[in-house]
Full PDB file with SEQRES, HELIX, SHEET, SSBOND, CRYST1, ORIGX, SCALE, CONECT and MASTER records, all heavy atoms in Angstrom:
SEQRES   1 A   43  PRO ILE PRO ILE LYS ALA LYS TYR LEU VAL ILE ILE TYR          
SEQRES   2 A   43  GLY LEU ILE GLU LEU PHE GLU GLY VAL HIS ASN PHE SER          
SEQRES   3 A   43  PHE ASP ASN VAL ALA HIS TRP ALA HIS LEU GLY GLY MET          
SEQRES   4 A   43  LEU PHE GLY PHE                                              
HELIX    1 AA1 ALA A    6  HIS A   23  1                                  18    
HELIX    2 AA2 HIS A   32  GLY A   42  1                                  11    
CRYST1    1.000    1.000    1.000  90.00  90.00  90.00 P 1           1          
ORIGX1      1.000000  0.000000  0.000000        0.00000                         
ORIGX2      0.000000  1.000000  0.000000        0.00000                         
ORIGX3      0.000000  0.000000  1.000000        0.00000                         
SCALE1      1.000000  0.000000  0.000000        0.00000                         
SCALE2      0.000000  1.000000  0.000000        0.00000                         
SCALE3      0.000000  0.000000  1.000000        0.00000                         
ATOM      1  N   PRO A   1       0.160   8.818   0.821  1.00  0.00           N  
ATOM      2  CA  PRO A   1       0.970   9.969   1.241  1.00  0.00           C  
ATOM      3  C   PRO A   1       1.510  10.758   0.051  1.00  0.00           C  
ATOM      4  O   PRO A   1       2.689  10.695  -0.292  1.00  0.00           O  
ATOM      5  CB  PRO A   1       2.104   9.323   2.048  1.00  0.00           C  
ATOM      6  CG  PRO A   1       2.242   7.963   1.438  1.00  0.00           C  
ATOM      7  CD  PRO A   1       0.871   7.543   1.032  1.00  0.00           C  
ATOM      8  N   ILE A   2       0.619  11.505  -0.597  1.00  0.00           N  
ATOM      9  CA  ILE A   2       1.017  12.296  -1.765  1.00  0.00           C  
ATOM     10  C   ILE A   2       0.495  13.723  -1.597  1.00  0.00           C  
ATOM     11  O   ILE A   2      -0.529  13.952  -0.961  1.00  0.00           O  
ATOM     12  CB  ILE A   2       0.465  11.700  -3.073  1.00  0.00           C  
ATOM     13  CG1 ILE A   2      -1.067  11.606  -3.024  1.00  0.00           C  
ATOM     14  CG2 ILE A   2       1.070  10.330  -3.355  1.00  0.00           C  
ATOM     15  CD1 ILE A   2      -1.705  11.176  -4.329  1.00  0.00           C  
ATOM     16  N   PRO A   3       1.196  14.699  -2.181  1.00  0.00           N  
ATOM     17  CA  PRO A   3       0.726  16.091  -2.105  1.00  0.00           C  
ATOM     18  C   PRO A   3      -0.340  16.347  -3.166  1.00  0.00           C  
ATOM     19  O   PRO A   3      -0.308  15.784  -4.266  1.00  0.00           O  
ATOM     20  CB  PRO A   3       1.988  16.896  -2.385  1.00  0.00           C  
ATOM     21  CG  PRO A   3       2.815  15.997  -3.257  1.00  0.00           C  
ATOM     22  CD  PRO A   3       2.526  14.590  -2.811  1.00  0.00           C  
ATOM     23  N   ILE A   4      -1.305  17.207  -2.837  1.00  0.00           N  
ATOM     24  CA  ILE A   4      -2.359  17.554  -3.781  1.00  0.00           C  
ATOM     25  C   ILE A   4      -2.850  18.953  -3.461  1.00  0.00           C  
ATOM     26  O   ILE A   4      -2.895  19.347  -2.292  1.00  0.00           O  
ATOM     27  CB  ILE A   4      -3.516  16.527  -3.709  1.00  0.00           C  
ATOM     28  CG1 ILE A   4      -4.570  16.833  -4.775  1.00  0.00           C  
ATOM     29  CG2 ILE A   4      -4.141  16.516  -2.326  1.00  0.00           C  
ATOM     30  CD1 ILE A   4      -5.658  15.776  -4.870  1.00  0.00           C  
ATOM     31  N   LYS A   5      -3.191  19.705  -4.488  1.00  0.00           N  
ATOM     32  CA  LYS A   5      -3.718  21.047  -4.267  1.00  0.00           C  
ATOM     33  C   LYS A   5      -5.139  20.969  -3.720  1.00  0.00           C  
ATOM     34  O   LYS A   5      -5.892  20.067  -4.059  1.00  0.00           O  
ATOM     35  CB  LYS A   5      -3.686  21.844  -5.568  1.00  0.00           C  
ATOM     36  CG  LYS A   5      -2.277  22.228  -5.997  1.00  0.00           C  
ATOM     37  CD  LYS A   5      -2.298  23.151  -7.199  1.00  0.00           C  
ATOM     38  CE  LYS A   5      -0.870  23.595  -7.552  1.00  0.00           C  
ATOM     39  NZ  LYS A   5      -0.868  24.531  -8.712  1.00  0.00           N  
ATOM     40  N   ALA A   6      -5.486  21.949  -2.896  1.00  0.00           N  
ATOM     41  CA  ALA A   6      -6.773  21.929  -2.201  1.00  0.00           C  
ATOM     42  C   ALA A   6      -7.949  21.865  -3.174  1.00  0.00           C  
ATOM     43  O   ALA A   6      -8.931  21.162  -2.934  1.00  0.00           O  
ATOM     44  CB  ALA A   6      -6.895  23.164  -1.305  1.00  0.00           C  
ATOM     45  N   LYS A   7      -7.876  22.595  -4.279  1.00  0.00           N  
ATOM     46  CA  LYS A   7      -9.004  22.625  -5.214  1.00  0.00           C  
ATOM     47  C   LYS A   7      -9.254  21.251  -5.833  1.00  0.00           C  
ATOM     48  O   LYS A   7     -10.416  20.868  -6.061  1.00  0.00           O  
ATOM     49  CB  LYS A   7      -8.768  23.659  -6.303  1.00  0.00           C  
ATOM     50  CG  LYS A   7      -7.491  23.455  -7.115  1.00  0.00           C  
ATOM     51  CD  LYS A   7      -7.275  24.603  -8.088  1.00  0.00           C  
ATOM     52  CE  LYS A   7      -5.975  24.451  -8.868  1.00  0.00           C  
ATOM     53  NZ  LYS A   7      -5.752  25.613  -9.783  1.00  0.00           N  
ATOM     54  N   TYR A   8      -8.198  20.499  -6.090  1.00  0.00           N  
ATOM     55  CA  TYR A   8      -8.378  19.159  -6.657  1.00  0.00           C  
ATOM     56  C   TYR A   8      -8.903  18.182  -5.607  1.00  0.00           C  
ATOM     57  O   TYR A   8      -9.680  17.282  -5.926  1.00  0.00           O  
ATOM     58  CB  TYR A   8      -7.060  18.663  -7.239  1.00  0.00           C  
ATOM     59  CG  TYR A   8      -6.538  19.522  -8.360  1.00  0.00           C  
ATOM     60  CD1 TYR A   8      -5.219  19.970  -8.368  1.00  0.00           C  
ATOM     61  CD2 TYR A   8      -7.371  19.908  -9.409  1.00  0.00           C  
ATOM     62  CE1 TYR A   8      -4.738  20.768  -9.401  1.00  0.00           C  
ATOM     63  CE2 TYR A   8      -6.901  20.717 -10.430  1.00  0.00           C  
ATOM     64  CZ  TYR A   8      -5.584  21.145 -10.421  1.00  0.00           C  
ATOM     65  OH  TYR A   8      -5.117  21.940 -11.441  1.00  0.00           O  
ATOM     66  N   LEU A   9      -8.471  18.372  -4.369  1.00  0.00           N  
ATOM     67  CA  LEU A   9      -8.960  17.518  -3.294  1.00  0.00           C  
ATOM     68  C   LEU A   9     -10.472  17.678  -3.127  1.00  0.00           C  
ATOM     69  O   LEU A   9     -11.204  16.688  -2.971  1.00  0.00           O  
ATOM     70  CB  LEU A   9      -8.256  17.865  -1.985  1.00  0.00           C  
ATOM     71  CG  LEU A   9      -8.685  17.056  -0.751  1.00  0.00           C  
ATOM     72  CD1 LEU A   9      -8.298  15.589  -0.915  1.00  0.00           C  
ATOM     73  CD2 LEU A   9      -8.048  17.623   0.514  1.00  0.00           C  
ATOM     74  N   VAL A  10     -10.959  18.920  -3.177  1.00  0.00           N  
ATOM     75  CA  VAL A  10     -12.396  19.178  -3.047  1.00  0.00           C  
ATOM     76  C   VAL A  10     -13.156  18.527  -4.192  1.00  0.00           C  
ATOM     77  O   VAL A  10     -14.202  17.894  -3.985  1.00  0.00           O  
ATOM     78  CB  VAL A  10     -12.662  20.698  -3.010  1.00  0.00           C  
ATOM     79  CG1 VAL A  10     -14.157  20.980  -3.104  1.00  0.00           C  
ATOM     80  CG2 VAL A  10     -12.087  21.305  -1.746  1.00  0.00           C  
ATOM     81  N   ILE A  11     -12.649  18.670  -5.411  1.00  0.00           N  
ATOM     82  CA  ILE A  11     -13.318  18.086  -6.582  1.00  0.00           C  
ATOM     83  C   ILE A  11     -13.391  16.569  -6.459  1.00  0.00           C  
ATOM     84  O   ILE A  11     -14.437  15.958  -6.721  1.00  0.00           O  
ATOM     85  CB  ILE A  11     -12.595  18.490  -7.878  1.00  0.00           C  
ATOM     86  CG1 ILE A  11     -12.749  19.998  -8.112  1.00  0.00           C  
ATOM     87  CG2 ILE A  11     -13.128  17.699  -9.065  1.00  0.00           C  
ATOM     88  CD1 ILE A  11     -11.916  20.525  -9.267  1.00  0.00           C  
ATOM     89  N   ILE A  12     -12.286  15.953  -6.035  1.00  0.00           N  
ATOM     90  CA  ILE A  12     -12.252  14.492  -5.905  1.00  0.00           C  
ATOM     91  C   ILE A  12     -13.240  14.020  -4.857  1.00  0.00           C  
ATOM     92  O   ILE A  12     -14.004  13.067  -5.073  1.00  0.00           O  
ATOM     93  CB  ILE A  12     -10.822  14.022  -5.563  1.00  0.00           C  
ATOM     94  CG1 ILE A  12      -9.904  14.239  -6.765  1.00  0.00           C  
ATOM     95  CG2 ILE A  12     -10.815  12.555  -5.138  1.00  0.00           C  
ATOM     96  CD1 ILE A  12      -8.438  13.984  -6.475  1.00  0.00           C  
ATOM     97  N   TYR A  13     -13.244  14.678  -3.698  1.00  0.00           N  
ATOM     98  CA  TYR A  13     -14.173  14.292  -2.638  1.00  0.00           C  
ATOM     99  C   TYR A  13     -15.621  14.459  -3.099  1.00  0.00           C  
ATOM    100  O   TYR A  13     -16.484  13.622  -2.818  1.00  0.00           O  
ATOM    101  CB  TYR A  13     -13.934  15.124  -1.376  1.00  0.00           C  
ATOM    102  CG  TYR A  13     -13.063  14.430  -0.359  1.00  0.00           C  
ATOM    103  CD1 TYR A  13     -11.739  14.813  -0.142  1.00  0.00           C  
ATOM    104  CD2 TYR A  13     -13.572  13.382   0.398  1.00  0.00           C  
ATOM    105  CE1 TYR A  13     -10.952  14.167   0.797  1.00  0.00           C  
ATOM    106  CE2 TYR A  13     -12.796  12.742   1.345  1.00  0.00           C  
ATOM    107  CZ  TYR A  13     -11.482  13.131   1.535  1.00  0.00           C  
ATOM    108  OH  TYR A  13     -10.700  12.489   2.451  1.00  0.00           O  
ATOM    109  N   GLY A  14     -15.896  15.562  -3.791  1.00  0.00           N  
ATOM    110  CA  GLY A  14     -17.251  15.794  -4.278  1.00  0.00           C  
ATOM    111  C   GLY A  14     -17.707  14.720  -5.252  1.00  0.00           C  
ATOM    112  O   GLY A  14     -18.837  14.230  -5.173  1.00  0.00           O  
ATOM    113  N   LEU A  15     -16.827  14.318  -6.163  1.00  0.00           N  
ATOM    114  CA  LEU A  15     -17.167  13.281  -7.140  1.00  0.00           C  
ATOM    115  C   LEU A  15     -17.371  11.929  -6.470  1.00  0.00           C  
ATOM    116  O   LEU A  15     -18.261  11.163  -6.852  1.00  0.00           O  
ATOM    117  CB  LEU A  15     -16.068  13.192  -8.208  1.00  0.00           C  
ATOM    118  CG  LEU A  15     -15.959  14.391  -9.155  1.00  0.00           C  
ATOM    119  CD1 LEU A  15     -14.760  14.223 -10.086  1.00  0.00           C  
ATOM    120  CD2 LEU A  15     -17.246  14.553  -9.961  1.00  0.00           C  
ATOM    121  N   ILE A  16     -16.551  11.628  -5.467  1.00  0.00           N  
ATOM    122  CA  ILE A  16     -16.707  10.361  -4.739  1.00  0.00           C  
ATOM    123  C   ILE A  16     -18.062  10.322  -4.034  1.00  0.00           C  
ATOM    124  O   ILE A  16     -18.778   9.309  -4.092  1.00  0.00           O  
ATOM    125  CB  ILE A  16     -15.563  10.178  -3.720  1.00  0.00           C  
ATOM    126  CG1 ILE A  16     -14.244   9.927  -4.443  1.00  0.00           C  
ATOM    127  CG2 ILE A  16     -15.866   9.019  -2.770  1.00  0.00           C  
ATOM    128  CD1 ILE A  16     -13.033   9.872  -3.529  1.00  0.00           C  
ATOM    129  N   GLU A  17     -18.422  11.410  -3.366  1.00  0.00           N  
ATOM    130  CA  GLU A  17     -19.705  11.455  -2.666  1.00  0.00           C  
ATOM    131  C   GLU A  17     -20.866  11.336  -3.649  1.00  0.00           C  
ATOM    132  O   GLU A  17     -21.860  10.658  -3.369  1.00  0.00           O  
ATOM    133  CB  GLU A  17     -19.828  12.757  -1.872  1.00  0.00           C  
ATOM    134  CG  GLU A  17     -18.886  12.857  -0.687  1.00  0.00           C  
ATOM    135  CD  GLU A  17     -19.111  11.747   0.327  1.00  0.00           C  
ATOM    136  OE1 GLU A  17     -20.285  11.502   0.686  1.00  0.00           O  
ATOM    137  OE2 GLU A  17     -18.135  11.127   0.750  1.00  0.00           O  
ATOM    138  N   LEU A  18     -20.753  11.996  -4.802  1.00  0.00           N  
ATOM    139  CA  LEU A  18     -21.808  11.915  -5.809  1.00  0.00           C  
ATOM    140  C   LEU A  18     -21.948  10.491  -6.337  1.00  0.00           C  
ATOM    141  O   LEU A  18     -23.063   9.965  -6.467  1.00  0.00           O  
ATOM    142  CB  LEU A  18     -21.505  12.875  -6.959  1.00  0.00           C  
ATOM    143  CG  LEU A  18     -22.538  12.907  -8.092  1.00  0.00           C  
ATOM    144  CD1 LEU A  18     -23.900  13.358  -7.567  1.00  0.00           C  
ATOM    145  CD2 LEU A  18     -22.066  13.833  -9.210  1.00  0.00           C  
ATOM    146  N   PHE A  19     -20.823   9.846  -6.620  1.00  0.00           N  
ATOM    147  CA  PHE A  19     -20.839   8.465  -7.130  1.00  0.00           C  
ATOM    148  C   PHE A  19     -21.493   7.522  -6.124  1.00  0.00           C  
ATOM    149  O   PHE A  19     -22.378   6.726  -6.472  1.00  0.00           O  
ATOM    150  CB  PHE A  19     -19.411   8.006  -7.419  1.00  0.00           C  
ATOM    151  CG  PHE A  19     -19.294   6.550  -7.780  1.00  0.00           C  
ATOM    152  CD1 PHE A  19     -19.591   6.109  -9.058  1.00  0.00           C  
ATOM    153  CD2 PHE A  19     -18.904   5.624  -6.823  1.00  0.00           C  
ATOM    154  CE1 PHE A  19     -19.486   4.763  -9.383  1.00  0.00           C  
ATOM    155  CE2 PHE A  19     -18.800   4.275  -7.137  1.00  0.00           C  
ATOM    156  CZ  PHE A  19     -19.093   3.842  -8.429  1.00  0.00           C  
ATOM    157  N   GLU A  20     -21.076   7.617  -4.862  1.00  0.00           N  
ATOM    158  CA  GLU A  20     -21.603   6.704  -3.844  1.00  0.00           C  
ATOM    159  C   GLU A  20     -23.055   7.025  -3.511  1.00  0.00           C  
ATOM    160  O   GLU A  20     -23.841   6.116  -3.197  1.00  0.00           O  
ATOM    161  CB  GLU A  20     -20.728   6.772  -2.588  1.00  0.00           C  
ATOM    162  CG  GLU A  20     -19.321   6.242  -2.825  1.00  0.00           C  
ATOM    163  CD  GLU A  20     -18.489   6.187  -1.566  1.00  0.00           C  
ATOM    164  OE1 GLU A  20     -18.848   6.884  -0.596  1.00  0.00           O  
ATOM    165  OE2 GLU A  20     -17.480   5.466  -1.556  1.00  0.00           O  
ATOM    166  N   GLY A  21     -23.435   8.296  -3.559  1.00  0.00           N  
ATOM    167  CA  GLY A  21     -24.823   8.653  -3.311  1.00  0.00           C  
ATOM    168  C   GLY A  21     -25.752   8.131  -4.392  1.00  0.00           C  
ATOM    169  O   GLY A  21     -26.835   7.627  -4.104  1.00  0.00           O  
ATOM    170  N   VAL A  22     -25.332   8.232  -5.658  1.00  0.00           N  
ATOM    171  CA  VAL A  22     -26.155   7.762  -6.774  1.00  0.00           C  
ATOM    172  C   VAL A  22     -26.299   6.253  -6.752  1.00  0.00           C  
ATOM    173  O   VAL A  22     -27.387   5.708  -6.972  1.00  0.00           O  
ATOM    174  CB  VAL A  22     -25.549   8.227  -8.119  1.00  0.00           C  
ATOM    175  CG1 VAL A  22     -26.230   7.519  -9.288  1.00  0.00           C  
ATOM    176  CG2 VAL A  22     -25.681   9.737  -8.262  1.00  0.00           C  
ATOM    177  N   HIS A  23     -25.214   5.547  -6.462  1.00  0.00           N  
ATOM    178  CA  HIS A  23     -25.252   4.087  -6.494  1.00  0.00           C  
ATOM    179  C   HIS A  23     -25.933   3.494  -5.261  1.00  0.00           C  
ATOM    180  O   HIS A  23     -26.447   2.381  -5.319  1.00  0.00           O  
ATOM    181  CB  HIS A  23     -23.839   3.519  -6.636  1.00  0.00           C  
ATOM    182  CG  HIS A  23     -23.305   3.633  -8.038  1.00  0.00           C  
ATOM    183  ND1 HIS A  23     -22.835   4.824  -8.554  1.00  0.00           N  
ATOM    184  CD2 HIS A  23     -23.205   2.723  -9.040  1.00  0.00           C  
ATOM    185  CE1 HIS A  23     -22.441   4.629  -9.809  1.00  0.00           C  
ATOM    186  NE2 HIS A  23     -22.655   3.379 -10.128  1.00  0.00           N  
ATOM    187  N   ASN A  24     -25.897   4.226  -4.126  1.00  0.00           N  
ATOM    188  CA  ASN A  24     -26.647   3.806  -2.935  1.00  0.00           C  
ATOM    189  C   ASN A  24     -26.390   2.346  -2.585  1.00  0.00           C  
ATOM    190  O   ASN A  24     -27.293   1.513  -2.546  1.00  0.00           O  
ATOM    191  CB  ASN A  24     -28.146   4.028  -3.151  1.00  0.00           C  
ATOM    192  CG  ASN A  24     -28.937   3.867  -1.863  1.00  0.00           C  
ATOM    193  OD1 ASN A  24     -28.422   4.064  -0.771  1.00  0.00           O  
ATOM    194  ND2 ASN A  24     -30.204   3.484  -1.990  1.00  0.00           N  
ATOM    195  N   PHE A  25     -25.133   2.019  -2.337  1.00  0.00           N  
ATOM    196  CA  PHE A  25     -24.751   0.645  -2.046  1.00  0.00           C  
ATOM    197  C   PHE A  25     -25.449   0.136  -0.786  1.00  0.00           C  
ATOM    198  O   PHE A  25     -25.582   0.854   0.201  1.00  0.00           O  
ATOM    199  CB  PHE A  25     -23.240   0.541  -1.870  1.00  0.00           C  
ATOM    200  CG  PHE A  25     -22.473   0.907  -3.114  1.00  0.00           C  
ATOM    201  CD1 PHE A  25     -21.699   2.050  -3.149  1.00  0.00           C  
ATOM    202  CD2 PHE A  25     -22.553   0.124  -4.244  1.00  0.00           C  
ATOM    203  CE1 PHE A  25     -20.996   2.408  -4.291  1.00  0.00           C  
ATOM    204  CE2 PHE A  25     -21.848   0.461  -5.392  1.00  0.00           C  
ATOM    205  CZ  PHE A  25     -21.079   1.604  -5.422  1.00  0.00           C  
ATOM    206  N   SER A  26     -25.877  -1.123  -0.815  1.00  0.00           N  
ATOM    207  CA  SER A  26     -26.654  -1.685   0.292  1.00  0.00           C  
ATOM    208  C   SER A  26     -25.866  -1.751   1.590  1.00  0.00           C  
ATOM    209  O   SER A  26     -26.426  -1.678   2.670  1.00  0.00           O  
ATOM    210  CB  SER A  26     -27.152  -3.089  -0.087  1.00  0.00           C  
ATOM    211  OG  SER A  26     -26.058  -3.941  -0.388  1.00  0.00           O  
ATOM    212  N   PHE A  27     -24.541  -1.896   1.494  1.00  0.00           N  
ATOM    213  CA  PHE A  27     -23.704  -2.016   2.684  1.00  0.00           C  
ATOM    214  C   PHE A  27     -23.286  -0.654   3.239  1.00  0.00           C  
ATOM    215  O   PHE A  27     -22.602  -0.577   4.251  1.00  0.00           O  
ATOM    216  CB  PHE A  27     -22.443  -2.826   2.355  1.00  0.00           C  
ATOM    217  CG  PHE A  27     -21.637  -2.249   1.208  1.00  0.00           C  
ATOM    218  CD1 PHE A  27     -20.738  -1.216   1.420  1.00  0.00           C  
ATOM    219  CD2 PHE A  27     -21.806  -2.731  -0.077  1.00  0.00           C  
ATOM    220  CE1 PHE A  27     -20.007  -0.676   0.376  1.00  0.00           C  
ATOM    221  CE2 PHE A  27     -21.081  -2.202  -1.135  1.00  0.00           C  
ATOM    222  CZ  PHE A  27     -20.185  -1.171  -0.916  1.00  0.00           C  
ATOM    223  N   ASP A  28     -23.716   0.403   2.590  1.00  0.00           N  
ATOM    224  CA  ASP A  28     -23.253   1.745   2.927  1.00  0.00           C  
ATOM    225  C   ASP A  28     -24.332   2.485   3.707  1.00  0.00           C  
ATOM    226  O   ASP A  28     -25.444   2.670   3.215  1.00  0.00           O  
ATOM    227  CB  ASP A  28     -22.923   2.497   1.629  1.00  0.00           C  
ATOM    228  CG  ASP A  28     -22.220   3.815   1.890  1.00  0.00           C  
ATOM    229  OD1 ASP A  28     -22.047   4.168   3.068  1.00  0.00           O  
ATOM    230  OD2 ASP A  28     -21.833   4.477   0.912  1.00  0.00           O  
ATOM    231  N   ASN A  29     -24.019   2.908   4.925  1.00  0.00           N  
ATOM    232  CA  ASN A  29     -24.985   3.674   5.728  1.00  0.00           C  
ATOM    233  C   ASN A  29     -24.535   5.115   5.925  1.00  0.00           C  
ATOM    234  O   ASN A  29     -24.959   5.786   6.862  1.00  0.00           O  
ATOM    235  CB  ASN A  29     -25.197   3.002   7.086  1.00  0.00           C  
ATOM    236  CG  ASN A  29     -23.929   2.960   7.916  1.00  0.00           C  
ATOM    237  OD1 ASN A  29     -22.848   3.260   7.419  1.00  0.00           O  
ATOM    238  ND2 ASN A  29     -24.055   2.593   9.180  1.00  0.00           N  
ATOM    239  N   VAL A  30     -23.653   5.595   5.033  1.00  0.00           N  
ATOM    240  CA  VAL A  30     -23.154   6.970   5.110  1.00  0.00           C  
ATOM    241  C   VAL A  30     -24.125   7.906   4.394  1.00  0.00           C  
ATOM    242  O   VAL A  30     -24.650   7.579   3.325  1.00  0.00           O  
ATOM    243  CB  VAL A  30     -21.754   7.072   4.470  1.00  0.00           C  
ATOM    244  CG1 VAL A  30     -21.256   8.516   4.489  1.00  0.00           C  
ATOM    245  CG2 VAL A  30     -20.774   6.161   5.198  1.00  0.00           C  
ATOM    246  N   ALA A  31     -24.359   9.081   4.977  1.00  0.00           N  
ATOM    247  CA  ALA A  31     -25.293  10.061   4.397  1.00  0.00           C  
ATOM    248  C   ALA A  31     -24.572  10.902   3.345  1.00  0.00           C  
ATOM    249  O   ALA A  31     -24.254  12.077   3.564  1.00  0.00           O  
ATOM    250  CB  ALA A  31     -25.877  10.939   5.498  1.00  0.00           C  
ATOM    251  N   HIS A  32     -24.318  10.306   2.178  1.00  0.00           N  
ATOM    252  CA  HIS A  32     -23.554  10.985   1.135  1.00  0.00           C  
ATOM    253  C   HIS A  32     -24.257  12.237   0.623  1.00  0.00           C  
ATOM    254  O   HIS A  32     -23.611  13.247   0.324  1.00  0.00           O  
ATOM    255  CB  HIS A  32     -23.296  10.021  -0.025  1.00  0.00           C  
ATOM    256  CG  HIS A  32     -22.486   8.828   0.344  1.00  0.00           C  
ATOM    257  ND1 HIS A  32     -21.145   8.908   0.664  1.00  0.00           N  
ATOM    258  CD2 HIS A  32     -22.829   7.515   0.475  1.00  0.00           C  
ATOM    259  CE1 HIS A  32     -20.689   7.703   0.953  1.00  0.00           C  
ATOM    260  NE2 HIS A  32     -21.688   6.844   0.853  1.00  0.00           N  
ATOM    261  N   TRP A  33     -25.590  12.196   0.527  1.00  0.00           N  
ATOM    262  CA  TRP A  33     -26.306  13.363   0.020  1.00  0.00           C  
ATOM    263  C   TRP A  33     -26.249  14.514   1.018  1.00  0.00           C  
ATOM    264  O   TRP A  33     -26.260  15.688   0.617  1.00  0.00           O  
ATOM    265  CB  TRP A  33     -27.752  12.991  -0.305  1.00  0.00           C  
ATOM    266  CG  TRP A  33     -27.850  12.063  -1.481  1.00  0.00           C  
ATOM    267  CD1 TRP A  33     -28.224  10.752  -1.467  1.00  0.00           C  
ATOM    268  CD2 TRP A  33     -27.531  12.379  -2.846  1.00  0.00           C  
ATOM    269  NE1 TRP A  33     -28.171  10.233  -2.739  1.00  0.00           N  
ATOM    270  CE2 TRP A  33     -27.752  11.193  -3.608  1.00  0.00           C  
ATOM    271  CE3 TRP A  33     -27.095  13.526  -3.501  1.00  0.00           C  
ATOM    272  CZ2 TRP A  33     -27.545  11.149  -4.977  1.00  0.00           C  
ATOM    273  CZ3 TRP A  33     -26.872  13.481  -4.875  1.00  0.00           C  
ATOM    274  CH2 TRP A  33     -27.106  12.311  -5.594  1.00  0.00           C  
ATOM    275  N   ALA A  34     -26.175  14.200   2.299  1.00  0.00           N  
ATOM    276  CA  ALA A  34     -25.999  15.255   3.303  1.00  0.00           C  
ATOM    277  C   ALA A  34     -24.632  15.914   3.142  1.00  0.00           C  
ATOM    278  O   ALA A  34     -24.496  17.136   3.283  1.00  0.00           O  
ATOM    279  CB  ALA A  34     -26.157  14.679   4.708  1.00  0.00           C  
ATOM    280  N   HIS A  35     -23.613  15.119   2.839  1.00  0.00           N  
ATOM    281  CA  HIS A  35     -22.272  15.670   2.599  1.00  0.00           C  
ATOM    282  C   HIS A  35     -22.305  16.636   1.418  1.00  0.00           C  
ATOM    283  O   HIS A  35     -21.773  17.746   1.487  1.00  0.00           O  
ATOM    284  CB  HIS A  35     -21.282  14.544   2.308  1.00  0.00           C  
ATOM    285  CG  HIS A  35     -21.116  13.589   3.451  1.00  0.00           C  
ATOM    286  ND1 HIS A  35     -20.387  12.419   3.343  1.00  0.00           N  
ATOM    287  CD2 HIS A  35     -21.581  13.618   4.724  1.00  0.00           C  
ATOM    288  CE1 HIS A  35     -20.421  11.783   4.499  1.00  0.00           C  
ATOM    289  NE2 HIS A  35     -21.138  12.491   5.349  1.00  0.00           N  
ATOM    290  N   LEU A  36     -22.948  16.182   0.336  1.00  0.00           N  
ATOM    291  CA  LEU A  36     -23.054  17.053  -0.836  1.00  0.00           C  
ATOM    292  C   LEU A  36     -23.900  18.275  -0.530  1.00  0.00           C  
ATOM    293  O   LEU A  36     -23.638  19.368  -1.046  1.00  0.00           O  
ATOM    294  CB  LEU A  36     -23.661  16.263  -2.002  1.00  0.00           C  
ATOM    295  CG  LEU A  36     -22.770  15.168  -2.595  1.00  0.00           C  
ATOM    296  CD1 LEU A  36     -23.562  14.307  -3.571  1.00  0.00           C  
ATOM    297  CD2 LEU A  36     -21.567  15.785  -3.299  1.00  0.00           C  
ATOM    298  N   GLY A  37     -24.910  18.106   0.324  1.00  0.00           N  
ATOM    299  CA  GLY A  37     -25.734  19.242   0.725  1.00  0.00           C  
ATOM    300  C   GLY A  37     -24.934  20.297   1.467  1.00  0.00           C  
ATOM    301  O   GLY A  37     -25.120  21.497   1.260  1.00  0.00           O  
ATOM    302  N   GLY A  38     -24.023  19.851   2.337  1.00  0.00           N  
ATOM    303  CA  GLY A  38     -23.164  20.784   3.044  1.00  0.00           C  
ATOM    304  C   GLY A  38     -22.278  21.569   2.090  1.00  0.00           C  
ATOM    305  O   GLY A  38     -22.099  22.788   2.236  1.00  0.00           O  
ATOM    306  N   MET A  39     -21.751  20.884   1.072  1.00  0.00           N  
ATOM    307  CA  MET A  39     -20.917  21.558   0.074  1.00  0.00           C  
ATOM    308  C   MET A  39     -21.748  22.516  -0.766  1.00  0.00           C  
ATOM    309  O   MET A  39     -21.294  23.629  -1.085  1.00  0.00           O  
ATOM    310  CB  MET A  39     -20.237  20.515  -0.824  1.00  0.00           C  
ATOM    311  CG  MET A  39     -19.309  19.563  -0.087  1.00  0.00           C  
ATOM    312  SD  MET A  39     -18.509  18.351  -1.173  1.00  0.00           S  
ATOM    313  CE  MET A  39     -17.157  19.330  -1.820  1.00  0.00           C  
ATOM    314  N   LEU A  40     -22.961  22.110  -1.120  1.00  0.00           N  
ATOM    315  CA  LEU A  40     -23.823  22.952  -1.962  1.00  0.00           C  
ATOM    316  C   LEU A  40     -24.207  24.238  -1.239  1.00  0.00           C  
ATOM    317  O   LEU A  40     -24.088  25.341  -1.807  1.00  0.00           O  
ATOM    318  CB  LEU A  40     -25.080  22.164  -2.345  1.00  0.00           C  
ATOM    319  CG  LEU A  40     -26.070  22.880  -3.262  1.00  0.00           C  
ATOM    320  CD1 LEU A  40     -25.454  23.115  -4.627  1.00  0.00           C  
ATOM    321  CD2 LEU A  40     -27.356  22.067  -3.405  1.00  0.00           C  
ATOM    322  N   PHE A  41     -24.667  24.111   0.000  1.00  0.00           N  
ATOM    323  CA  PHE A  41     -25.044  25.304   0.760  1.00  0.00           C  
ATOM    324  C   PHE A  41     -23.825  26.183   1.021  1.00  0.00           C  
ATOM    325  O   PHE A  41     -23.926  27.414   1.013  1.00  0.00           O  
ATOM    326  CB  PHE A  41     -25.709  24.902   2.074  1.00  0.00           C  
ATOM    327  CG  PHE A  41     -27.188  24.669   1.959  1.00  0.00           C  
ATOM    328  CD1 PHE A  41     -27.671  23.509   1.390  1.00  0.00           C  
ATOM    329  CD2 PHE A  41     -28.094  25.618   2.408  1.00  0.00           C  
ATOM    330  CE1 PHE A  41     -29.037  23.281   1.278  1.00  0.00           C  
ATOM    331  CE2 PHE A  41     -29.466  25.413   2.300  1.00  0.00           C  
ATOM    332  CZ  PHE A  41     -29.936  24.232   1.724  1.00  0.00           C  
ATOM    333  N   GLY A  42     -22.666  25.558   1.260  1.00  0.00           N  
ATOM    334  CA  GLY A  42     -21.447  26.327   1.464  1.00  0.00           C  
ATOM    335  C   GLY A  42     -21.054  27.112   0.229  1.00  0.00           C  
ATOM    336  O   GLY A  42     -20.647  28.281   0.317  1.00  0.00           O  
ATOM    337  N   PHE A  43     -21.204  26.486  -0.938  1.00  0.00           N  
ATOM    338  CA  PHE A  43     -20.852  27.152  -2.202  1.00  0.00           C  
ATOM    339  C   PHE A  43     -21.715  28.387  -2.418  1.00  0.00           C  
ATOM    340  O   PHE A  43     -21.205  29.475  -2.729  1.00  0.00           O  
ATOM    341  CB  PHE A  43     -21.026  26.167  -3.359  1.00  0.00           C  
ATOM    342  CG  PHE A  43     -20.786  26.773  -4.712  1.00  0.00           C  
ATOM    343  CD1 PHE A  43     -19.499  26.946  -5.188  1.00  0.00           C  
ATOM    344  CD2 PHE A  43     -21.854  27.194  -5.490  1.00  0.00           C  
ATOM    345  CE1 PHE A  43     -19.269  27.516  -6.440  1.00  0.00           C  
ATOM    346  CE2 PHE A  43     -21.646  27.758  -6.739  1.00  0.00           C  
ATOM    347  CZ  PHE A  43     -20.349  27.916  -7.210  1.00  0.00           C  
TER     348      PHE A  43                                                      
MASTER        0    0    0    2    0    0    0    6  347    1    0    4          
END                                                                             
């Protein structure tokens, strides 16, 4: 429960998705690259 500016929140989320997408953990079934794709096309 902490305040954060929107621009930093986006950067943090983007870096988390990139990290998890690159590492491709075996227990993870989340489509991280699709998340990044949504951000890329939006940008």
